[in-house]
Amino acid sequence: EGAGAPRPGLAVALADVPAEQRRTLVRWEPTRDGHLVVEGGPGSGRSSTLRLLGLAALARGWHVHTLGEVLAGSAASGLGTVVDARDPRRAADLLDRLARTRDAHPTLLLVDDLETVLAALALVDRGAGPDLLVALARSAGVHLALASARALPGTLLAHVGSRVVLGDRSKAADVSRGVPTALAGLGGSPGRAV
């Protein structure tokens, strides 16, 4: 990002600006843009995008927690709880703790493989576990970055402000994620987004 004071937001993508014959960083500023969801099929770069965001947040002194192994093995300062996506009790405990804790530091929760996390949480409190994630999305103080293979359930989607859709070779899959028909099915290398 160069020398000097860091710019607002976390770098999430590199955008082409054809009219100006250049590329620019796309930044996610959670306080302005709301929670983020990264959608795409297997191998599309969802986890890599979350990892990039997590490392950028840690470099800025944020507290970062994960549901999923996206930052497993990282020894970065500020990395908080890392919970296996298939561990419903620990996942529910982390969500509950984050919802009750107000921290002066910016806090980011990375949720990798959202479908697995929601399925695990459904095993908690007679199926009420996913409500913990929705409640956290409603509350202030913790920013969410979610990676999902499918469109989000409406109860969660209502609280997401930004979406990055990573292209697929399947036109139907892209269209179901909201990719314009003219761009659907073009796929490309992992990390290529619309």
Protein backbone atom coordinates (compact mmCIF):
# COMPACT_ATOMS: atom_id res chain seq x y z
CA GLU A 1 0.00 0.00 0.00
CA GLY A 2 3.01 2.25 0.10
CA ALA A 3 4.47 4.50 2.76
CA GLY A 4 2.62 6.97 4.91
CA ALA A 5 -0.59 6.77 6.86
CA PRO A 6 -2.83 3.86 5.92
CA ARG A 7 -5.88 4.66 3.83
CA PRO A 8 -9.32 4.02 5.25
CA GLY A 9 -10.68 0.53 4.74
CA LEU A 10 -9.12 -2.83 4.08
CA ALA A 11 -7.95 -3.76 0.59
CA VAL A 12 -10.24 -6.50 -0.70
CA ALA A 13 -9.70 -6.53 -4.46
CA LEU A 14 -7.91 -5.05 -7.43
CA ALA A 15 -10.30 -3.39 -9.91
CA ASP A 16 -9.79 -2.66 -13.58
CA VAL A 17 -10.66 0.87 -14.64
CA PRO A 18 -10.61 0.48 -18.45
CA ALA A 19 -11.61 4.08 -19.20
CA GLU A 20 -8.48 5.26 -17.38
CA GLN A 21 -6.23 2.37 -18.45
CA ARG A 22 -5.33 1.55 -14.85
CA ARG A 23 -6.11 -0.62 -11.86
CA THR A 24 -7.10 0.49 -8.39
CA LEU A 25 -7.59 -1.09 -4.98
CA VAL A 26 -11.15 -1.78 -3.89
CA ARG A 27 -11.43 -1.13 -0.18
CA TRP A 28 -13.96 -2.35 2.36
CA GLU A 29 -14.66 0.10 5.15
CA PRO A 30 -17.00 -1.82 7.46
CA THR A 31 -18.28 1.21 9.36
CA ARG A 32 -19.36 2.74 6.04
CA ASP A 33 -20.04 -0.36 3.90
CA GLY A 34 -21.57 -2.72 6.47
CA HIS A 35 -20.80 -6.41 6.76
CA LEU A 36 -19.24 -8.18 3.77
CA VAL A 37 -20.10 -11.45 2.07
CA VAL A 38 -17.80 -13.12 -0.47
CA GLU A 39 -19.75 -15.56 -2.64
CA GLY A 40 -18.36 -18.07 -5.09
CA GLY A 41 -18.02 -21.72 -5.94
CA PRO A 42 -15.31 -24.13 -4.79
CA GLY A 43 -11.81 -22.92 -5.63
CA SER A 44 -13.01 -19.42 -6.50
CA GLY A 45 -10.89 -17.64 -3.88
CA ARG A 46 -13.42 -17.08 -1.06
CA SER A 47 -11.08 -18.27 1.70
CA SER A 48 -8.12 -16.41 0.20
CA THR A 49 -10.16 -13.20 0.20
CA LEU A 50 -11.04 -13.67 3.89
CA ARG A 51 -7.41 -14.44 4.71
CA LEU A 52 -6.30 -11.23 2.94
CA LEU A 53 -8.85 -9.21 4.92
CA GLY A 54 -7.88 -10.85 8.20
CA LEU A 55 -4.17 -10.23 7.72
CA ALA A 56 -4.81 -6.62 6.67
CA ALA A 57 -6.98 -6.06 9.76
CA LEU A 58 -4.34 -7.60 12.03
CA ALA A 59 -1.67 -5.38 10.48
CA ARG A 60 -3.79 -2.37 11.48
CA GLY A 61 -4.13 -3.55 15.07
CA TRP A 62 -7.67 -4.94 14.84
CA HIS A 63 -8.80 -7.90 16.89
CA VAL A 64 -9.64 -10.76 14.53
CA HIS A 65 -11.53 -13.98 15.32
CA THR A 66 -12.41 -16.79 12.92
CA LEU A 67 -15.03 -19.45 12.44
CA GLY A 68 -13.19 -21.73 10.07
CA GLU A 69 -9.51 -22.34 9.56
CA VAL A 70 -8.83 -19.34 7.31
CA LEU A 71 -6.12 -17.96 9.64
CA ALA A 72 -5.12 -21.21 11.36
CA GLY A 73 -1.40 -21.31 11.97
CA SER A 74 -1.05 -17.53 11.87
CA ALA A 75 0.97 -16.18 14.79
CA ALA A 76 -0.03 -12.58 14.11
CA SER A 77 -0.53 -10.30 17.08
CA GLY A 78 -4.19 -9.64 17.79
CA LEU A 79 -5.47 -12.93 16.43
CA GLY A 80 -8.15 -14.05 18.82
CA THR A 81 -10.20 -17.22 18.88
CA VAL A 82 -9.96 -19.64 15.95
CA VAL A 83 -12.86 -22.11 15.96
CA ASP A 84 -13.29 -25.09 13.65
CA ALA A 85 -16.36 -24.48 11.48
CA ARG A 86 -17.79 -27.86 12.51
CA ASP A 87 -17.61 -27.25 16.29
CA PRO A 88 -21.09 -26.00 17.22
CA ARG A 89 -20.51 -25.40 20.95
CA ARG A 90 -17.32 -23.38 20.55
CA ALA A 91 -18.82 -21.48 17.60
CA ALA A 92 -21.91 -20.57 19.64
CA ASP A 93 -19.74 -19.57 22.60
CA LEU A 94 -17.61 -17.29 20.42
CA LEU A 95 -20.67 -15.62 18.86
CA ASP A 96 -22.26 -15.12 22.26
CA ARG A 97 -19.07 -13.68 23.74
CA LEU A 98 -18.56 -11.29 20.82
CA ALA A 99 -22.17 -10.11 21.04
CA ARG A 100 -21.75 -9.30 24.76
CA THR A 101 -18.28 -7.73 24.58
CA ARG A 102 -17.70 -4.12 23.63
CA ASP A 103 -14.10 -3.48 22.71
CA ALA A 104 -12.43 -0.17 21.93
CA HIS A 105 -10.43 -1.87 19.17
CA PRO A 106 -12.06 -2.58 15.83
CA THR A 107 -13.06 -6.25 15.82
CA LEU A 108 -13.49 -8.49 12.78
CA LEU A 109 -15.06 -11.94 12.68
CA LEU A 110 -14.16 -14.01 9.62
CA VAL A 111 -16.68 -16.78 8.86
CA ASP A 112 -15.31 -19.20 6.27
CA ASP A 113 -17.54 -21.88 4.73
CA LEU A 114 -20.72 -20.28 6.03
CA GLU A 115 -22.88 -23.27 5.08
CA THR A 116 -20.87 -25.58 7.35
CA VAL A 117 -20.96 -23.04 10.19
CA LEU A 118 -24.75 -22.61 9.92
CA ALA A 119 -25.28 -26.39 9.81
CA ALA A 120 -23.13 -26.82 12.93
CA LEU A 121 -24.89 -23.96 14.74
CA ALA A 122 -28.27 -25.56 13.93
CA LEU A 123 -27.27 -28.33 16.37
CA VAL A 124 -27.18 -25.83 19.26
CA ASP A 125 -30.14 -24.82 21.43
CA ARG A 126 -32.76 -26.79 19.47
CA GLY A 127 -31.80 -25.16 16.18
CA ALA A 128 -31.50 -21.60 17.48
CA GLY A 129 -27.71 -21.42 17.00
CA PRO A 130 -27.83 -19.59 13.63
CA ASP A 131 -29.79 -16.84 15.38
CA LEU A 132 -26.60 -16.03 17.31
CA LEU A 133 -24.87 -15.10 14.05
CA VAL A 134 -27.86 -13.01 12.93
CA ALA A 135 -27.94 -11.25 16.32
CA LEU A 136 -24.23 -10.46 16.02
CA ALA A 137 -24.81 -9.09 12.51
CA ARG A 138 -27.51 -6.79 13.93
CA SER A 139 -25.32 -5.49 16.74
CA ALA A 140 -22.68 -2.79 16.51
CA GLY A 141 -19.05 -3.28 17.36
CA VAL A 142 -18.12 -6.46 15.49
CA HIS A 143 -17.62 -6.40 11.73
CA LEU A 144 -18.39 -9.59 9.79
CA ALA A 145 -16.75 -10.93 6.64
CA LEU A 146 -18.52 -14.09 5.46
CA ALA A 147 -17.56 -16.58 2.75
CA SER A 148 -20.41 -18.52 1.18
CA ALA A 149 -20.88 -20.88 -1.75
CA ARG A 150 -24.55 -19.90 -2.08
CA ALA A 151 -26.69 -16.82 -1.66
CA LEU A 152 -27.17 -15.94 2.00
CA PRO A 153 -30.38 -16.71 3.86
CA GLY A 154 -32.62 -13.63 3.96
CA THR A 155 -32.33 -13.23 7.73
CA LEU A 156 -28.57 -12.77 7.37
CA LEU A 157 -28.57 -11.04 3.98
CA ALA A 158 -30.67 -8.21 5.43
CA HIS A 159 -27.68 -7.20 7.56
CA VAL A 160 -24.98 -7.36 4.86
CA GLY A 161 -24.00 -4.15 3.17
CA SER A 162 -21.34 -5.32 0.67
CA ARG A 163 -21.04 -8.32 -1.62
CA VAL A 164 -18.16 -9.64 -3.68
CA VAL A 165 -19.19 -12.34 -6.14
CA LEU A 166 -16.35 -14.49 -7.46
CA GLY A 167 -17.07 -15.71 -10.98
CA ASP A 168 -17.90 -19.29 -11.87
CA ARG A 169 -17.81 -21.28 -15.10
CA SER A 170 -21.47 -22.09 -14.53
CA LYS A 171 -23.77 -19.43 -15.93
CA ALA A 172 -26.67 -20.68 -13.77
CA ALA A 173 -24.57 -20.48 -10.58
CA ASP A 174 -23.44 -16.96 -11.42
CA VAL A 175 -26.96 -15.75 -12.23
CA SER A 176 -28.24 -17.26 -8.96
CA ARG A 177 -25.64 -15.12 -7.15
CA GLY A 178 -26.81 -11.98 -8.96
CA VAL A 179 -24.10 -11.70 -11.63
CA PRO A 180 -25.40 -9.82 -14.70
CA THR A 181 -26.24 -12.28 -17.50
CA ALA A 182 -23.65 -10.75 -19.85
CA LEU A 183 -20.88 -11.57 -17.34
CA ALA A 184 -22.27 -14.87 -16.04
CA GLY A 185 -20.35 -18.07 -16.70
CA LEU A 186 -17.14 -16.36 -17.77
CA GLY A 187 -15.34 -17.64 -14.68
CA GLY A 188 -11.65 -17.10 -14.83
CA SER A 189 -8.83 -17.56 -12.41
CA PRO A 190 -9.53 -17.80 -8.66
CA GLY A 191 -10.20 -14.39 -7.16
CA ARG A 192 -11.83 -12.94 -10.26
CA ALA A 193 -14.92 -11.07 -9.07
CA VAL A 194 -17.87 -9.04 -10.23
